[in-house]
Amino acid sequence: MDTASPTSTRLIMMGDAALCAGFDLVGFETYPGADEKILEQVLRSVLDAGQTALVLLEPRLARCDCPVLKRLRRQGGRVVITEIPPLHAPDDYRPQVESLVQSVLGRSALE
């Protein structure tokens, strides 16, 4: 796992080992099987170093109760955090924004 310089954008992927393998091939820092503790450590390092980053997380991590994750999402700007579907069940994936869209526009909005 490489640590990027403060002037470059870190590309980070955390999730299933098979999915991480693909992202590793295209140059992402990967953390296969990462847990909330690893998520907290990596995001804290991004925050403390003032780095820019694109962070891809599987749902189990993207939806966890991690304080630094919440802080970075509120901040916006230089750290983009996005949730990606799990490799083993992409058709069962429902993004977090789906329920918000349905509550505002109705259930039929996404059909």
N, C-alpha and C. Protein backbone atom coordinates (compact mmCIF):
# COMPACT_ATOMS: atom_id res chain seq x y z
N MET A 1 0.84 -1.18 0.00
CA MET A 1 0.00 0.00 0.00
C MET A 1 0.88 1.24 0.00
N ASP A 2 0.74 2.02 -1.02
CA ASP A 2 1.54 3.23 -1.14
C ASP A 2 0.84 4.39 -0.46
N THR A 3 1.62 5.29 0.08
CA THR A 3 1.09 6.53 0.62
C THR A 3 1.42 7.63 -0.36
N ALA A 4 0.40 8.33 -0.82
CA ALA A 4 0.59 9.36 -1.83
C ALA A 4 1.21 10.60 -1.21
N SER A 5 1.83 11.40 -2.04
CA SER A 5 2.37 12.67 -1.57
C SER A 5 1.22 13.63 -1.31
N PRO A 6 1.43 14.67 -0.49
CA PRO A 6 0.36 15.59 -0.16
C PRO A 6 -0.22 16.33 -1.37
N THR A 7 0.51 16.43 -2.46
CA THR A 7 0.03 17.17 -3.61
C THR A 7 -0.72 16.29 -4.60
N SER A 8 -0.69 14.99 -4.45
CA SER A 8 -1.41 14.11 -5.38
C SER A 8 -2.70 13.63 -4.73
N THR A 9 -3.60 13.17 -5.58
CA THR A 9 -4.87 12.64 -5.08
C THR A 9 -4.71 11.16 -4.77
N ARG A 10 -5.10 10.80 -3.58
CA ARG A 10 -5.06 9.38 -3.21
C ARG A 10 -6.30 8.70 -3.75
N LEU A 11 -6.12 7.55 -4.33
CA LEU A 11 -7.21 6.72 -4.81
C LEU A 11 -7.27 5.51 -3.89
N ILE A 12 -8.37 5.38 -3.15
CA ILE A 12 -8.46 4.38 -2.09
C ILE A 12 -9.71 3.53 -2.30
N MET A 13 -9.54 2.22 -2.17
CA MET A 13 -10.65 1.27 -2.27
C MET A 13 -10.62 0.35 -1.07
N MET A 14 -11.77 0.22 -0.40
CA MET A 14 -11.89 -0.70 0.73
C MET A 14 -13.10 -1.58 0.54
N GLY A 15 -12.88 -2.88 0.65
CA GLY A 15 -14.00 -3.80 0.51
C GLY A 15 -13.54 -5.22 0.30
N ASP A 16 -14.34 -5.96 -0.44
CA ASP A 16 -14.10 -7.36 -0.75
C ASP A 16 -12.76 -7.54 -1.45
N ALA A 17 -12.06 -8.60 -1.11
CA ALA A 17 -10.73 -8.85 -1.67
C ALA A 17 -10.75 -8.97 -3.19
N ALA A 18 -11.74 -9.66 -3.74
CA ALA A 18 -11.81 -9.81 -5.20
C ALA A 18 -12.03 -8.48 -5.89
N LEU A 19 -12.87 -7.65 -5.34
CA LEU A 19 -13.12 -6.33 -5.92
C LEU A 19 -11.90 -5.44 -5.76
N CYS A 20 -11.24 -5.51 -4.63
CA CYS A 20 -10.02 -4.73 -4.41
C CYS A 20 -8.93 -5.10 -5.41
N ALA A 21 -8.87 -6.38 -5.77
CA ALA A 21 -7.85 -6.83 -6.72
C ALA A 21 -7.95 -6.07 -8.04
N GLY A 22 -9.16 -5.87 -8.51
CA GLY A 22 -9.36 -5.12 -9.74
C GLY A 22 -8.92 -3.67 -9.62
N PHE A 23 -9.26 -3.05 -8.51
CA PHE A 23 -8.87 -1.66 -8.30
C PHE A 23 -7.36 -1.52 -8.09
N ASP A 24 -6.75 -2.53 -7.51
CA ASP A 24 -5.29 -2.53 -7.34
C ASP A 24 -4.61 -2.49 -8.71
N LEU A 25 -5.16 -3.20 -9.66
CA LEU A 25 -4.58 -3.24 -11.01
C LEU A 25 -4.59 -1.87 -11.70
N VAL A 26 -5.52 -1.01 -11.33
CA VAL A 26 -5.58 0.32 -11.96
C VAL A 26 -4.99 1.42 -11.07
N GLY A 27 -4.25 1.01 -10.03
CA GLY A 27 -3.48 1.97 -9.26
C GLY A 27 -4.07 2.48 -7.96
N PHE A 28 -5.17 1.91 -7.50
CA PHE A 28 -5.75 2.33 -6.22
C PHE A 28 -4.96 1.72 -5.07
N GLU A 29 -4.92 2.42 -3.94
CA GLU A 29 -4.50 1.82 -2.67
C GLU A 29 -5.68 0.92 -2.29
N THR A 30 -5.42 -0.31 -1.99
CA THR A 30 -6.53 -1.20 -1.65
C THR A 30 -6.37 -1.76 -0.25
N TYR A 31 -7.50 -1.95 0.37
CA TYR A 31 -7.56 -2.49 1.72
C TYR A 31 -8.61 -3.61 1.74
N PRO A 32 -8.22 -4.79 1.23
CA PRO A 32 -9.17 -5.91 1.18
C PRO A 32 -9.59 -6.34 2.58
N GLY A 33 -10.88 -6.52 2.75
CA GLY A 33 -11.39 -6.98 4.04
C GLY A 33 -11.27 -5.94 5.14
N ALA A 34 -11.13 -4.67 4.78
CA ALA A 34 -10.98 -3.62 5.79
C ALA A 34 -12.17 -3.60 6.73
N ASP A 35 -11.89 -3.24 7.99
CA ASP A 35 -12.96 -3.09 8.97
C ASP A 35 -13.06 -1.61 9.34
N GLU A 36 -13.93 -1.30 10.29
CA GLU A 36 -14.13 0.09 10.69
C GLU A 36 -12.86 0.72 11.27
N LYS A 37 -12.06 -0.07 11.95
CA LYS A 37 -10.82 0.45 12.54
C LYS A 37 -9.85 0.89 11.43
N ILE A 38 -9.70 0.07 10.41
CA ILE A 38 -8.82 0.43 9.29
C ILE A 38 -9.39 1.63 8.55
N LEU A 39 -10.70 1.66 8.34
CA LEU A 39 -11.34 2.81 7.70
C LEU A 39 -11.02 4.09 8.45
N GLU A 40 -11.18 4.04 9.75
CA GLU A 40 -10.90 5.21 10.60
C GLU A 40 -9.44 5.64 10.46
N GLN A 41 -8.51 4.70 10.49
CA GLN A 41 -7.08 5.03 10.39
C GLN A 41 -6.73 5.67 9.05
N VAL A 42 -7.23 5.09 7.97
CA VAL A 42 -6.90 5.60 6.64
C VAL A 42 -7.52 6.99 6.43
N LEU A 43 -8.79 7.13 6.79
CA LEU A 43 -9.43 8.44 6.61
C LEU A 43 -8.81 9.49 7.51
N ARG A 44 -8.41 9.11 8.70
CA ARG A 44 -7.74 10.05 9.60
C ARG A 44 -6.42 10.51 8.98
N SER A 45 -5.68 9.60 8.34
CA SER A 45 -4.41 9.97 7.71
C SER A 45 -4.65 10.95 6.56
N VAL A 46 -5.72 10.76 5.79
CA VAL A 46 -6.08 11.68 4.71
C VAL A 46 -6.41 13.06 5.29
N LEU A 47 -7.23 13.05 6.32
CA LEU A 47 -7.65 14.30 6.96
C LEU A 47 -6.47 15.04 7.58
N ASP A 48 -5.66 14.34 8.36
CA ASP A 48 -4.53 14.97 9.05
C ASP A 48 -3.49 15.53 8.08
N ALA A 49 -3.31 14.86 6.94
CA ALA A 49 -2.32 15.31 5.96
C ALA A 49 -2.89 16.37 5.01
N GLY A 50 -4.17 16.64 5.10
CA GLY A 50 -4.79 17.63 4.22
C GLY A 50 -4.79 17.20 2.76
N GLN A 51 -4.86 15.89 2.54
CA GLN A 51 -4.78 15.36 1.19
C GLN A 51 -6.13 15.40 0.48
N THR A 52 -6.07 15.33 -0.84
CA THR A 52 -7.27 15.10 -1.63
C THR A 52 -7.35 13.60 -1.87
N ALA A 53 -8.58 13.09 -1.97
CA ALA A 53 -8.73 11.65 -2.14
C ALA A 53 -10.07 11.31 -2.77
N LEU A 54 -10.07 10.22 -3.50
CA LEU A 54 -11.28 9.56 -3.96
C LEU A 54 -11.31 8.24 -3.20
N VAL A 55 -12.36 8.05 -2.41
CA VAL A 55 -12.47 6.87 -1.55
C VAL A 55 -13.70 6.07 -1.97
N LEU A 56 -13.47 4.83 -2.38
CA LEU A 56 -14.56 3.93 -2.76
C LEU A 56 -14.76 2.91 -1.65
N LEU A 57 -16.00 2.78 -1.18
CA LEU A 57 -16.31 1.88 -0.07
C LEU A 57 -17.47 0.98 -0.41
N GLU A 58 -17.37 -0.28 -0.01
CA GLU A 58 -18.52 -1.16 -0.10
C GLU A 58 -19.53 -0.75 0.97
N PRO A 59 -20.80 -1.11 0.80
CA PRO A 59 -21.85 -0.64 1.71
C PRO A 59 -21.60 -0.86 3.19
N ARG A 60 -21.03 -1.99 3.58
CA ARG A 60 -20.83 -2.25 5.01
C ARG A 60 -19.93 -1.21 5.65
N LEU A 61 -19.00 -0.64 4.89
CA LEU A 61 -18.13 0.41 5.41
C LEU A 61 -18.73 1.80 5.18
N ALA A 62 -19.33 1.99 4.02
CA ALA A 62 -19.91 3.31 3.70
C ALA A 62 -21.03 3.69 4.65
N ARG A 63 -21.67 2.70 5.24
CA ARG A 63 -22.82 2.95 6.11
C ARG A 63 -22.50 2.76 7.59
N CYS A 64 -21.22 2.63 7.91
CA CYS A 64 -20.86 2.42 9.31
C CYS A 64 -20.90 3.73 10.09
N ASP A 65 -20.79 3.61 11.40
CA ASP A 65 -20.88 4.75 12.30
C ASP A 65 -19.49 5.26 12.65
N CYS A 66 -18.72 5.61 11.65
CA CYS A 66 -17.33 6.05 11.82
C CYS A 66 -17.29 7.59 11.88
N PRO A 67 -16.84 8.16 13.00
CA PRO A 67 -16.85 9.62 13.15
C PRO A 67 -16.08 10.38 12.06
N VAL A 68 -14.91 9.90 11.67
CA VAL A 68 -14.15 10.63 10.66
C VAL A 68 -14.82 10.53 9.28
N LEU A 69 -15.49 9.43 9.01
CA LEU A 69 -16.25 9.29 7.76
C LEU A 69 -17.37 10.34 7.73
N LYS A 70 -18.10 10.44 8.82
CA LYS A 70 -19.17 11.45 8.90
C LYS A 70 -18.62 12.86 8.74
N ARG A 71 -17.50 13.12 9.37
CA ARG A 71 -16.88 14.45 9.30
C ARG A 71 -16.48 14.80 7.87
N LEU A 72 -15.83 13.87 7.18
CA LEU A 72 -15.41 14.12 5.81
C LEU A 72 -16.60 14.31 4.88
N ARG A 73 -17.66 13.59 5.11
CA ARG A 73 -18.86 13.76 4.28
C ARG A 73 -19.49 15.13 4.50
N ARG A 74 -19.51 15.59 5.73
CA ARG A 74 -20.06 16.92 6.02
C ARG A 74 -19.20 18.02 5.40
N GLN A 75 -17.89 17.85 5.46
CA GLN A 75 -16.95 18.83 4.93
C GLN A 75 -17.09 19.02 3.44
N GLY A 76 -17.19 17.90 2.73
CA GLY A 76 -17.21 17.99 1.28
C GLY A 76 -15.88 18.51 0.76
N GLY A 77 -15.79 18.69 -0.53
CA GLY A 77 -14.60 19.30 -1.10
C GLY A 77 -13.54 18.34 -1.55
N ARG A 78 -12.44 18.34 -0.86
CA ARG A 78 -11.24 17.65 -1.33
C ARG A 78 -11.24 16.14 -1.16
N VAL A 79 -12.17 15.60 -0.39
CA VAL A 79 -12.26 14.15 -0.22
C VAL A 79 -13.64 13.70 -0.71
N VAL A 80 -13.65 12.93 -1.77
CA VAL A 80 -14.90 12.41 -2.32
C VAL A 80 -15.03 10.96 -1.87
N ILE A 81 -16.15 10.67 -1.22
CA ILE A 81 -16.40 9.31 -0.72
C ILE A 81 -17.64 8.80 -1.41
N THR A 82 -17.50 7.64 -2.02
CA THR A 82 -18.65 7.06 -2.70
C THR A 82 -18.78 5.58 -2.38
N GLU A 83 -19.99 5.13 -2.42
CA GLU A 83 -20.31 3.73 -2.13
C GLU A 83 -20.44 2.99 -3.46
N ILE A 84 -19.86 1.80 -3.52
CA ILE A 84 -20.00 0.99 -4.73
C ILE A 84 -20.66 -0.34 -4.37
N PRO A 85 -21.35 -0.93 -5.32
CA PRO A 85 -22.04 -2.18 -5.03
C PRO A 85 -21.08 -3.31 -4.72
N PRO A 86 -21.49 -4.23 -3.87
CA PRO A 86 -20.65 -5.39 -3.60
C PRO A 86 -20.53 -6.27 -4.84
N LEU A 87 -19.41 -6.89 -5.02
CA LEU A 87 -19.16 -7.74 -6.18
C LEU A 87 -20.07 -8.96 -6.21
N HIS A 88 -20.34 -9.52 -5.06
CA HIS A 88 -21.10 -10.78 -5.00
C HIS A 88 -22.61 -10.60 -5.17
N ALA A 89 -23.17 -9.40 -5.06
CA ALA A 89 -24.62 -9.21 -5.18
C ALA A 89 -24.96 -7.84 -5.74
N PRO A 90 -24.47 -7.50 -6.92
CA PRO A 90 -24.71 -6.15 -7.45
C PRO A 90 -26.18 -5.85 -7.72
N ASP A 91 -26.98 -6.87 -8.04
CA ASP A 91 -28.39 -6.64 -8.33
C ASP A 91 -29.21 -6.36 -7.07
N ASP A 92 -28.69 -6.75 -5.91
CA ASP A 92 -29.39 -6.51 -4.64
C ASP A 92 -29.03 -5.16 -4.03
N TYR A 93 -28.11 -4.47 -4.63
CA TYR A 93 -27.60 -3.21 -4.08
C TYR A 93 -28.64 -2.10 -4.22
N ARG A 94 -28.84 -1.35 -3.16
CA ARG A 94 -29.70 -0.18 -3.15
C ARG A 94 -28.90 0.98 -2.56
N PRO A 95 -28.60 2.00 -3.37
CA PRO A 95 -27.83 3.14 -2.85
C PRO A 95 -28.61 3.89 -1.77
N GLN A 96 -27.88 4.54 -0.89
CA GLN A 96 -28.50 5.28 0.20
C GLN A 96 -29.41 6.39 -0.32
N VAL A 97 -29.06 6.99 -1.41
CA VAL A 97 -29.83 8.11 -1.94
C VAL A 97 -31.19 7.66 -2.48
N GLU A 98 -31.34 6.38 -2.76
CA GLU A 98 -32.59 5.88 -3.32
C GLU A 98 -33.79 6.19 -2.42
N SER A 99 -33.66 5.97 -1.14
CA SER A 99 -34.78 6.22 -0.22
C SER A 99 -35.10 7.71 -0.14
N LEU A 100 -34.10 8.56 -0.23
CA LEU A 100 -34.33 10.01 -0.22
C LEU A 100 -35.10 10.43 -1.47
N VAL A 101 -34.67 9.95 -2.63
CA VAL A 101 -35.35 10.28 -3.89
C VAL A 101 -36.80 9.81 -3.83
N GLN A 102 -37.02 8.60 -3.34
CA GLN A 102 -38.38 8.09 -3.27
C GLN A 102 -39.24 8.88 -2.28
N SER A 103 -38.65 9.33 -1.19
CA SER A 103 -39.44 10.11 -0.22
C SER A 103 -39.84 11.47 -0.76
N VAL A 104 -39.00 12.02 -1.64
CA VAL A 104 -39.30 13.34 -2.21
C VAL A 104 -40.19 13.24 -3.45
N LEU A 105 -39.87 12.28 -4.32
CA LEU A 105 -40.55 12.20 -5.62
C LEU A 105 -41.56 11.06 -5.73
N GLY A 106 -41.61 10.19 -4.72
CA GLY A 106 -42.53 9.06 -4.76
C GLY A 106 -41.85 7.79 -5.22
N ARG A 107 -42.45 6.66 -4.87
CA ARG A 107 -41.86 5.34 -5.19
C ARG A 107 -41.67 5.13 -6.69
N SER A 108 -42.52 5.66 -7.50
CA SER A 108 -42.45 5.44 -8.94
C SER A 108 -41.32 6.22 -9.61
N ALA A 109 -40.67 7.12 -8.90
CA ALA A 109 -39.63 7.96 -9.48
C ALA A 109 -38.44 7.15 -9.98
N LEU A 110 -38.18 6.01 -9.42
CA LEU A 110 -37.01 5.21 -9.80
C LEU A 110 -37.36 3.97 -10.63
N GLU A 111 -38.58 3.90 -11.07
CA GLU A 111 -38.99 2.73 -11.87
C GLU A 111 -38.77 2.96 -13.34
